[in-house]
Amino acid sequence: MEGTERVNDAEGTERIQDLLKKAHEIRLKGLNCAETTIWALGQYWNEDLKPCYGTGLGGGVARLGETCGALTGAIVAMSARVGRTDPADGEKKALCYRLGQEVAREFKEAMGTTQCREIIGFVPSGEGIQPQWSQQFRTGRCGKAIEVAIKAAIRAMEG
């Protein structure tokens, strides 16, 4: 797609590494995994994707520990870019489903699961969980999940 470089040829390039570095910086300022992934993909594709599209998806959908927010954020970002606006447009719907499935498969292969609670080792909600959640989000596997989701979405869109 116009305005992108192939991630397969560019994983080690400055552009991808710079994007991932900026994504981690903005995540540490307070964006959740879904917001960070949406923001980063918007930057990569030069699209105006707003992090707020993913606010309720963090922590495995509203901190329920379900599907990882980085993965759902990647699918939201791809859908915003190539999704349908006409309910009768079956081609764009099928395209988004195919792309989402590709990203989910790659994510699961890299992370071992698509479930937030399995990635971080606990459900990120409930009384007194904030300190554990904050520590995990800053130093645990969330960063890897964000990187995997960003790269997988770029590969799927360029495939």
N, C-alpha and C. Protein backbone atom coordinates (compact mmCIF):
# COMPACT_ATOMS: atom_id res chain seq x y z
N MET A 1 0.84 -1.17 0.00
CA MET A 1 0.00 0.00 0.00
C MET A 1 0.89 1.24 0.00
N GLU A 2 0.39 2.27 -0.58
CA GLU A 2 1.16 3.50 -0.69
C GLU A 2 1.52 4.04 0.69
N GLY A 3 2.76 4.51 0.79
CA GLY A 3 3.19 5.13 2.04
C GLY A 3 3.72 4.15 3.07
N THR A 4 3.88 2.89 2.65
CA THR A 4 4.41 1.91 3.58
C THR A 4 5.60 1.21 2.97
N GLU A 5 6.47 0.70 3.81
CA GLU A 5 7.55 -0.15 3.34
C GLU A 5 7.24 -1.55 3.82
N ARG A 6 7.70 -2.52 3.10
CA ARG A 6 7.41 -3.91 3.45
C ARG A 6 8.07 -4.28 4.76
N VAL A 7 7.28 -4.76 5.70
CA VAL A 7 7.83 -5.12 7.00
C VAL A 7 8.75 -6.32 6.88
N ASN A 8 8.49 -7.22 5.95
CA ASN A 8 9.35 -8.38 5.79
C ASN A 8 10.76 -7.97 5.40
N ASP A 9 10.88 -6.91 4.62
CA ASP A 9 12.18 -6.42 4.18
C ASP A 9 12.75 -5.40 5.16
N ALA A 10 11.92 -4.93 6.08
CA ALA A 10 12.32 -3.78 6.86
C ALA A 10 12.25 -3.97 8.37
N GLU A 11 12.10 -5.21 8.86
CA GLU A 11 11.95 -5.39 10.31
C GLU A 11 13.08 -4.75 11.09
N GLY A 12 14.26 -4.80 10.56
CA GLY A 12 15.39 -4.23 11.26
C GLY A 12 15.67 -2.79 10.89
N THR A 13 14.85 -2.22 10.02
CA THR A 13 15.13 -0.86 9.58
C THR A 13 14.84 0.16 10.65
N GLU A 14 15.41 1.28 10.46
CA GLU A 14 15.18 2.38 11.41
C GLU A 14 13.72 2.76 11.51
N ARG A 15 13.00 2.71 10.41
CA ARG A 15 11.60 3.13 10.44
C ARG A 15 10.77 2.25 11.38
N ILE A 16 10.90 0.95 11.26
CA ILE A 16 10.14 0.05 12.12
C ILE A 16 10.62 0.17 13.55
N GLN A 17 11.93 0.17 13.75
CA GLN A 17 12.47 0.27 15.11
C GLN A 17 12.08 1.58 15.76
N ASP A 18 12.10 2.66 14.99
CA ASP A 18 11.69 3.96 15.53
C ASP A 18 10.21 3.96 15.91
N LEU A 19 9.38 3.35 15.07
CA LEU A 19 7.96 3.26 15.37
C LEU A 19 7.72 2.48 16.67
N LEU A 20 8.39 1.36 16.81
CA LEU A 20 8.22 0.55 18.03
C LEU A 20 8.72 1.29 19.26
N LYS A 21 9.82 2.00 19.12
CA LYS A 21 10.33 2.80 20.24
C LYS A 21 9.33 3.87 20.65
N LYS A 22 8.77 4.57 19.67
CA LYS A 22 7.78 5.60 19.97
C LYS A 22 6.52 4.99 20.57
N ALA A 23 6.14 3.81 20.10
CA ALA A 23 4.96 3.14 20.65
C ALA A 23 5.18 2.82 22.14
N HIS A 24 6.37 2.34 22.48
CA HIS A 24 6.65 2.05 23.88
C HIS A 24 6.69 3.33 24.72
N GLU A 25 7.21 4.38 24.16
CA GLU A 25 7.25 5.66 24.89
C GLU A 25 5.85 6.17 25.17
N ILE A 26 4.98 6.11 24.18
CA ILE A 26 3.61 6.62 24.37
C ILE A 26 2.83 5.69 25.30
N ARG A 27 3.12 4.40 25.25
CA ARG A 27 2.47 3.45 26.16
C ARG A 27 2.84 3.77 27.60
N LEU A 28 4.09 4.09 27.83
CA LEU A 28 4.53 4.38 29.20
C LEU A 28 4.01 5.73 29.70
N LYS A 29 3.49 6.55 28.79
CA LYS A 29 2.86 7.81 29.20
C LYS A 29 1.42 7.59 29.63
N GLY A 30 0.89 6.39 29.37
CA GLY A 30 -0.45 6.09 29.86
C GLY A 30 -1.41 5.43 28.89
N LEU A 31 -1.05 5.28 27.62
CA LEU A 31 -1.96 4.59 26.72
C LEU A 31 -1.97 3.10 27.02
N ASN A 32 -3.12 2.47 26.85
CA ASN A 32 -3.18 1.03 27.05
C ASN A 32 -2.69 0.32 25.78
N CYS A 33 -2.69 -1.00 25.80
CA CYS A 33 -2.14 -1.78 24.70
C CYS A 33 -2.91 -1.55 23.40
N ALA A 34 -4.22 -1.51 23.45
CA ALA A 34 -5.03 -1.29 22.25
C ALA A 34 -4.82 0.12 21.71
N GLU A 35 -4.86 1.10 22.59
CA GLU A 35 -4.65 2.49 22.17
C GLU A 35 -3.27 2.66 21.53
N THR A 36 -2.25 2.05 22.13
CA THR A 36 -0.89 2.15 21.62
C THR A 36 -0.78 1.54 20.23
N THR A 37 -1.36 0.37 20.04
CA THR A 37 -1.30 -0.32 18.76
C THR A 37 -2.03 0.48 17.68
N ILE A 38 -3.18 0.99 18.00
CA ILE A 38 -3.94 1.80 17.04
C ILE A 38 -3.14 3.06 16.68
N TRP A 39 -2.60 3.72 17.67
CA TRP A 39 -1.80 4.92 17.43
C TRP A 39 -0.63 4.61 16.50
N ALA A 40 0.11 3.55 16.82
CA ALA A 40 1.31 3.20 16.06
C ALA A 40 0.98 2.86 14.61
N LEU A 41 -0.08 2.08 14.41
CA LEU A 41 -0.45 1.73 13.03
C LEU A 41 -0.93 2.95 12.27
N GLY A 42 -1.61 3.85 12.93
CA GLY A 42 -1.99 5.11 12.28
C GLY A 42 -0.77 5.89 11.83
N GLN A 43 0.25 5.92 12.68
CA GLN A 43 1.49 6.60 12.32
C GLN A 43 2.14 5.92 11.12
N TYR A 44 2.21 4.62 11.13
CA TYR A 44 2.87 3.87 10.06
C TYR A 44 2.16 4.07 8.72
N TRP A 45 0.83 4.04 8.76
CA TRP A 45 0.04 4.17 7.54
C TRP A 45 -0.31 5.61 7.20
N ASN A 46 0.15 6.54 8.02
CA ASN A 46 -0.17 7.95 7.82
C ASN A 46 -1.69 8.16 7.77
N GLU A 47 -2.37 7.52 8.71
CA GLU A 47 -3.82 7.62 8.84
C GLU A 47 -4.13 8.30 10.17
N ASP A 48 -5.22 9.00 10.23
CA ASP A 48 -5.64 9.67 11.46
C ASP A 48 -6.44 8.71 12.32
N LEU A 49 -5.75 7.73 12.89
CA LEU A 49 -6.40 6.76 13.77
C LEU A 49 -6.25 7.25 15.21
N LYS A 50 -7.34 7.42 15.86
CA LYS A 50 -7.33 7.98 17.20
C LYS A 50 -7.21 6.87 18.25
N PRO A 51 -6.30 7.02 19.20
CA PRO A 51 -6.15 6.02 20.25
C PRO A 51 -7.45 5.71 21.00
N CYS A 52 -8.34 6.69 21.08
CA CYS A 52 -9.59 6.48 21.82
C CYS A 52 -10.43 5.35 21.24
N TYR A 53 -10.18 4.95 19.99
CA TYR A 53 -10.92 3.83 19.41
C TYR A 53 -10.68 2.55 20.22
N GLY A 54 -9.56 2.51 20.94
CA GLY A 54 -9.21 1.30 21.67
C GLY A 54 -9.27 1.40 23.18
N THR A 55 -9.75 2.51 23.70
CA THR A 55 -9.73 2.70 25.16
C THR A 55 -10.41 1.55 25.90
N GLY A 56 -11.56 1.14 25.49
CA GLY A 56 -12.30 0.08 26.19
C GLY A 56 -11.79 -1.32 25.92
N LEU A 57 -10.77 -1.46 25.06
CA LEU A 57 -10.26 -2.78 24.72
C LEU A 57 -9.06 -3.20 25.55
N GLY A 58 -8.48 -2.27 26.30
CA GLY A 58 -7.29 -2.58 27.09
C GLY A 58 -7.55 -3.61 28.18
N GLY A 59 -6.52 -4.35 28.53
CA GLY A 59 -6.64 -5.36 29.57
C GLY A 59 -7.47 -6.55 29.13
N GLY A 60 -7.49 -6.81 27.85
CA GLY A 60 -8.28 -7.94 27.36
C GLY A 60 -9.76 -7.65 27.34
N VAL A 61 -10.14 -6.54 26.75
CA VAL A 61 -11.50 -6.03 26.63
C VAL A 61 -12.01 -5.61 28.02
N ALA A 62 -11.88 -4.34 28.29
CA ALA A 62 -12.39 -3.75 29.53
C ALA A 62 -11.81 -4.41 30.78
N ARG A 63 -10.53 -4.78 30.69
CA ARG A 63 -9.81 -5.42 31.81
C ARG A 63 -10.46 -6.72 32.28
N LEU A 64 -11.04 -7.47 31.36
CA LEU A 64 -11.63 -8.76 31.70
C LEU A 64 -10.66 -9.91 31.45
N GLY A 65 -9.49 -9.62 30.88
CA GLY A 65 -8.50 -10.65 30.62
C GLY A 65 -8.79 -11.49 29.39
N GLU A 66 -9.71 -11.04 28.57
CA GLU A 66 -10.09 -11.79 27.36
C GLU A 66 -9.08 -11.50 26.25
N THR A 67 -9.52 -11.33 25.01
CA THR A 67 -8.61 -11.13 23.89
C THR A 67 -7.74 -9.91 24.12
N CYS A 68 -6.44 -10.09 23.94
CA CYS A 68 -5.44 -9.04 24.19
C CYS A 68 -5.80 -7.76 23.44
N GLY A 69 -5.68 -6.65 24.13
CA GLY A 69 -5.96 -5.35 23.54
C GLY A 69 -5.05 -5.00 22.38
N ALA A 70 -3.80 -5.46 22.41
CA ALA A 70 -2.90 -5.18 21.29
C ALA A 70 -3.44 -5.84 20.03
N LEU A 71 -3.92 -7.06 20.15
CA LEU A 71 -4.50 -7.78 19.01
C LEU A 71 -5.78 -7.12 18.54
N THR A 72 -6.70 -6.82 19.45
CA THR A 72 -7.95 -6.19 19.03
C THR A 72 -7.68 -4.79 18.48
N GLY A 73 -6.71 -4.09 19.04
CA GLY A 73 -6.34 -2.78 18.52
C GLY A 73 -5.83 -2.85 17.09
N ALA A 74 -5.03 -3.88 16.79
CA ALA A 74 -4.53 -4.06 15.43
C ALA A 74 -5.68 -4.30 14.46
N ILE A 75 -6.65 -5.09 14.88
CA ILE A 75 -7.80 -5.38 14.01
C ILE A 75 -8.66 -4.14 13.83
N VAL A 76 -8.84 -3.35 14.87
CA VAL A 76 -9.57 -2.08 14.76
C VAL A 76 -8.85 -1.16 13.76
N ALA A 77 -7.54 -1.05 13.87
CA ALA A 77 -6.78 -0.17 12.98
C ALA A 77 -6.89 -0.62 11.53
N MET A 78 -6.78 -1.92 11.29
CA MET A 78 -6.92 -2.42 9.92
C MET A 78 -8.33 -2.17 9.39
N SER A 79 -9.32 -2.38 10.23
CA SER A 79 -10.71 -2.16 9.82
C SER A 79 -10.96 -0.69 9.50
N ALA A 80 -10.36 0.20 10.28
CA ALA A 80 -10.51 1.63 10.01
C ALA A 80 -9.90 1.99 8.67
N ARG A 81 -8.87 1.27 8.29
CA ARG A 81 -8.18 1.57 7.04
C ARG A 81 -8.88 0.97 5.82
N VAL A 82 -9.35 -0.27 5.92
CA VAL A 82 -9.90 -0.93 4.74
C VAL A 82 -11.31 -1.47 4.93
N GLY A 83 -11.94 -1.17 6.06
CA GLY A 83 -13.27 -1.70 6.34
C GLY A 83 -14.37 -1.05 5.52
N ARG A 84 -15.52 -1.62 5.63
CA ARG A 84 -16.66 -1.16 4.84
C ARG A 84 -17.40 -0.01 5.51
N THR A 85 -18.02 0.80 4.70
CA THR A 85 -18.92 1.84 5.18
C THR A 85 -20.34 1.56 4.71
N ASP A 86 -20.47 0.68 3.74
CA ASP A 86 -21.76 0.28 3.20
C ASP A 86 -22.08 -1.13 3.71
N PRO A 87 -23.19 -1.32 4.44
CA PRO A 87 -23.51 -2.63 4.98
C PRO A 87 -23.59 -3.74 3.91
N ALA A 88 -23.82 -3.37 2.67
CA ALA A 88 -23.92 -4.36 1.60
C ALA A 88 -22.57 -4.76 1.02
N ASP A 89 -21.50 -4.12 1.48
CA ASP A 89 -20.16 -4.39 0.92
C ASP A 89 -19.56 -5.64 1.54
N GLY A 90 -19.91 -6.77 0.98
CA GLY A 90 -19.42 -8.05 1.47
C GLY A 90 -17.94 -8.26 1.22
N GLU A 91 -17.40 -7.64 0.17
CA GLU A 91 -15.97 -7.81 -0.15
C GLU A 91 -15.09 -7.21 0.93
N LYS A 92 -15.41 -5.99 1.37
CA LYS A 92 -14.59 -5.37 2.41
C LYS A 92 -14.77 -6.09 3.74
N LYS A 93 -15.97 -6.58 4.01
CA LYS A 93 -16.20 -7.34 5.23
C LYS A 93 -15.33 -8.60 5.22
N ALA A 94 -15.34 -9.32 4.10
CA ALA A 94 -14.54 -10.54 3.98
C ALA A 94 -13.05 -10.22 4.09
N LEU A 95 -12.63 -9.11 3.49
CA LEU A 95 -11.23 -8.70 3.57
C LEU A 95 -10.82 -8.46 5.03
N CYS A 96 -11.64 -7.73 5.77
CA CYS A 96 -11.32 -7.45 7.17
C CYS A 96 -11.27 -8.74 7.99
N TYR A 97 -12.19 -9.65 7.75
CA TYR A 97 -12.16 -10.92 8.46
C TYR A 97 -10.88 -11.70 8.13
N ARG A 98 -10.51 -11.75 6.85
CA ARG A 98 -9.31 -12.47 6.45
C ARG A 98 -8.06 -11.86 7.08
N LEU A 99 -7.96 -10.53 7.02
CA LEU A 99 -6.81 -9.84 7.61
C LEU A 99 -6.76 -10.05 9.12
N GLY A 100 -7.90 -9.95 9.77
CA GLY A 100 -7.97 -10.16 11.21
C GLY A 100 -7.55 -11.57 11.60
N GLN A 101 -7.97 -12.55 10.81
CA GLN A 101 -7.59 -13.93 11.08
C GLN A 101 -6.09 -14.14 10.90
N GLU A 102 -5.51 -13.51 9.87
CA GLU A 102 -4.07 -13.60 9.66
C GLU A 102 -3.31 -13.04 10.86
N VAL A 103 -3.72 -11.87 11.31
CA VAL A 103 -3.05 -11.24 12.44
C VAL A 103 -3.23 -12.08 13.70
N ALA A 104 -4.42 -12.58 13.93
CA ALA A 104 -4.67 -13.40 15.12
C ALA A 104 -3.83 -14.68 15.11
N ARG A 105 -3.71 -15.32 13.95
CA ARG A 105 -2.88 -16.53 13.86
C ARG A 105 -1.41 -16.21 14.16
N GLU A 106 -0.89 -15.16 13.54
CA GLU A 106 0.50 -14.79 13.77
C GLU A 106 0.73 -14.39 15.23
N PHE A 107 -0.21 -13.66 15.79
CA PHE A 107 -0.12 -13.24 17.19
C PHE A 107 -0.09 -14.46 18.11
N LYS A 108 -1.01 -15.39 17.89
CA LYS A 108 -1.08 -16.58 18.74
C LYS A 108 0.19 -17.42 18.61
N GLU A 109 0.72 -17.51 17.40
CA GLU A 109 1.96 -18.27 17.20
C GLU A 109 3.11 -17.64 17.98
N ALA A 110 3.19 -16.32 17.94
CA ALA A 110 4.29 -15.62 18.62
C ALA A 110 4.12 -15.56 20.14
N MET A 111 2.89 -15.37 20.60
CA MET A 111 2.64 -15.17 22.02
C MET A 111 2.18 -16.44 22.75
N GLY A 112 1.77 -17.46 21.99
CA GLY A 112 1.29 -18.69 22.60
C GLY A 112 -0.18 -18.67 22.94
N THR A 113 -0.82 -17.53 22.81
CA THR A 113 -2.23 -17.36 23.15
C THR A 113 -2.69 -16.01 22.61
N THR A 114 -4.00 -15.81 22.57
CA THR A 114 -4.55 -14.48 22.26
C THR A 114 -5.16 -13.85 23.50
N GLN A 115 -5.15 -14.57 24.61
CA GLN A 115 -5.82 -14.14 25.82
C GLN A 115 -4.92 -13.32 26.74
N CYS A 116 -5.36 -12.13 27.09
CA CYS A 116 -4.61 -11.24 27.98
C CYS A 116 -4.23 -11.94 29.28
N ARG A 117 -5.19 -12.59 29.92
CA ARG A 117 -4.93 -13.22 31.23
C ARG A 117 -3.84 -14.28 31.14
N GLU A 118 -3.70 -14.92 29.99
CA GLU A 118 -2.65 -15.93 29.82
C GLU A 118 -1.31 -15.27 29.50
N ILE A 119 -1.35 -14.14 28.81
CA ILE A 119 -0.12 -13.41 28.50
C ILE A 119 0.49 -12.83 29.77
N ILE A 120 -0.35 -12.24 30.62
CA ILE A 120 0.19 -11.56 31.80
C ILE A 120 0.13 -12.40 33.07
N GLY A 121 -0.66 -13.47 33.04
CA GLY A 121 -0.71 -14.37 34.19
C GLY A 121 -1.79 -14.10 35.21
N PHE A 122 -2.68 -13.16 34.92
CA PHE A 122 -3.79 -12.85 35.84
C PHE A 122 -4.83 -12.02 35.10
N VAL A 123 -6.02 -11.92 35.69
CA VAL A 123 -7.07 -11.05 35.14
C VAL A 123 -6.82 -9.66 35.70
N PRO A 124 -6.67 -8.66 34.83
CA PRO A 124 -6.26 -7.33 35.30
C PRO A 124 -7.38 -6.45 35.84
N SER A 125 -8.26 -7.01 36.64
CA SER A 125 -9.31 -6.20 37.25
C SER A 125 -9.57 -6.69 38.66
N GLY A 126 -10.27 -5.90 39.40
CA GLY A 126 -10.63 -6.28 40.76
C GLY A 126 -9.94 -5.41 41.80
N GLU A 127 -10.40 -5.55 43.00
CA GLU A 127 -9.89 -4.79 44.13
C GLU A 127 -8.40 -5.03 44.34
N GLY A 128 -7.63 -3.96 44.43
CA GLY A 128 -6.22 -4.05 44.76
C GLY A 128 -5.30 -4.55 43.66
N ILE A 129 -5.80 -4.69 42.45
CA ILE A 129 -4.99 -5.25 41.37
C ILE A 129 -4.10 -4.20 40.68
N GLN A 130 -4.39 -2.92 40.88
CA GLN A 130 -3.69 -1.87 40.14
C GLN A 130 -2.17 -1.93 40.24
N PRO A 131 -1.57 -2.12 41.41
CA PRO A 131 -0.10 -2.17 41.45
C PRO A 131 0.48 -3.32 40.62
N GLN A 132 -0.13 -4.49 40.72
CA GLN A 132 0.34 -5.64 39.94
C GLN A 132 0.15 -5.38 38.45
N TRP A 133 -0.99 -4.82 38.08
CA TRP A 133 -1.30 -4.52 36.68
C TRP A 133 -0.32 -3.48 36.14
N SER A 134 -0.08 -2.44 36.89
CA SER A 134 0.86 -1.39 36.44
C SER A 134 2.25 -1.95 36.22
N GLN A 135 2.72 -2.77 37.13
CA GLN A 135 4.05 -3.37 37.00
C GLN A 135 4.13 -4.27 35.77
N GLN A 136 3.13 -5.11 35.58
CA GLN A 136 3.12 -6.03 34.45
C GLN A 136 3.07 -5.26 33.13
N PHE A 137 2.24 -4.24 33.09
CA PHE A 137 2.09 -3.47 31.85
C PHE A 137 3.40 -2.79 31.48
N ARG A 138 4.13 -2.31 32.46
CA ARG A 138 5.37 -1.59 32.20
C ARG A 138 6.56 -2.51 31.90
N THR A 139 6.61 -3.67 32.55
CA THR A 139 7.82 -4.49 32.42
C THR A 139 7.55 -5.90 31.91
N GLY A 140 6.32 -6.31 31.79
CA GLY A 140 5.99 -7.68 31.41
C GLY A 140 5.84 -7.88 29.91
N ARG A 141 5.03 -8.83 29.56
CA ARG A 141 4.89 -9.25 28.16
C ARG A 141 3.99 -8.35 27.33
N CYS A 142 3.39 -7.34 27.92
CA CYS A 142 2.54 -6.43 27.16
C CYS A 142 3.32 -5.74 26.03
N GLY A 143 4.53 -5.34 26.32
CA GLY A 143 5.36 -4.70 25.29
C GLY A 143 5.59 -5.60 24.10
N LYS A 144 5.88 -6.86 24.36
CA LYS A 144 6.08 -7.81 23.26
C LYS A 144 4.78 -7.98 22.49
N ALA A 145 3.66 -8.08 23.19
CA ALA A 145 2.37 -8.26 22.52
C ALA A 145 2.08 -7.08 21.58
N ILE A 146 2.40 -5.89 22.02
CA ILE A 146 2.19 -4.70 21.19
C ILE A 146 3.06 -4.78 19.94
N GLU A 147 4.32 -5.12 20.11
CA GLU A 147 5.22 -5.24 18.95
C GLU A 147 4.74 -6.30 17.98
N VAL A 148 4.36 -7.46 18.49
CA VAL A 148 3.88 -8.55 17.64
C VAL A 148 2.64 -8.11 16.86
N ALA A 149 1.70 -7.46 17.54
CA ALA A 149 0.46 -7.03 16.88
C ALA A 149 0.73 -5.99 15.79
N ILE A 150 1.60 -5.04 16.07
CA ILE A 150 1.92 -4.00 15.08
C ILE A 150 2.55 -4.64 13.84
N LYS A 151 3.56 -5.46 14.05
CA LYS A 151 4.25 -6.09 12.92
C LYS A 151 3.31 -7.01 12.13
N ALA A 152 2.48 -7.77 12.83
CA ALA A 152 1.56 -8.69 12.16
C ALA A 152 0.55 -7.92 11.31
N ALA A 153 0.04 -6.82 11.83
CA ALA A 153 -0.92 -6.01 11.06
C ALA A 153 -0.28 -5.42 9.81
N ILE A 154 0.93 -4.94 9.94
CA ILE A 154 1.63 -4.38 8.78
C ILE A 154 1.84 -5.47 7.74
N ARG A 155 2.30 -6.64 8.17
CA ARG A 155 2.52 -7.76 7.24
C ARG A 155 1.23 -8.15 6.55
N ALA A 156 0.15 -8.27 7.30
CA ALA A 156 -1.14 -8.67 6.72
C ALA A 156 -1.61 -7.66 5.68
N MET A 157 -1.48 -6.39 6.00
CA MET A 157 -1.94 -5.36 5.06
C MET A 157 -1.08 -5.29 3.81
N GLU A 158 0.17 -5.66 3.94
CA GLU A 158 1.07 -5.60 2.79
C GLU A 158 1.11 -6.89 2.00
N GLY A 159 0.51 -7.96 2.59
CA GLY A 159 0.55 -9.28 1.97
C GLY A 159 -0.26 -9.36 0.77
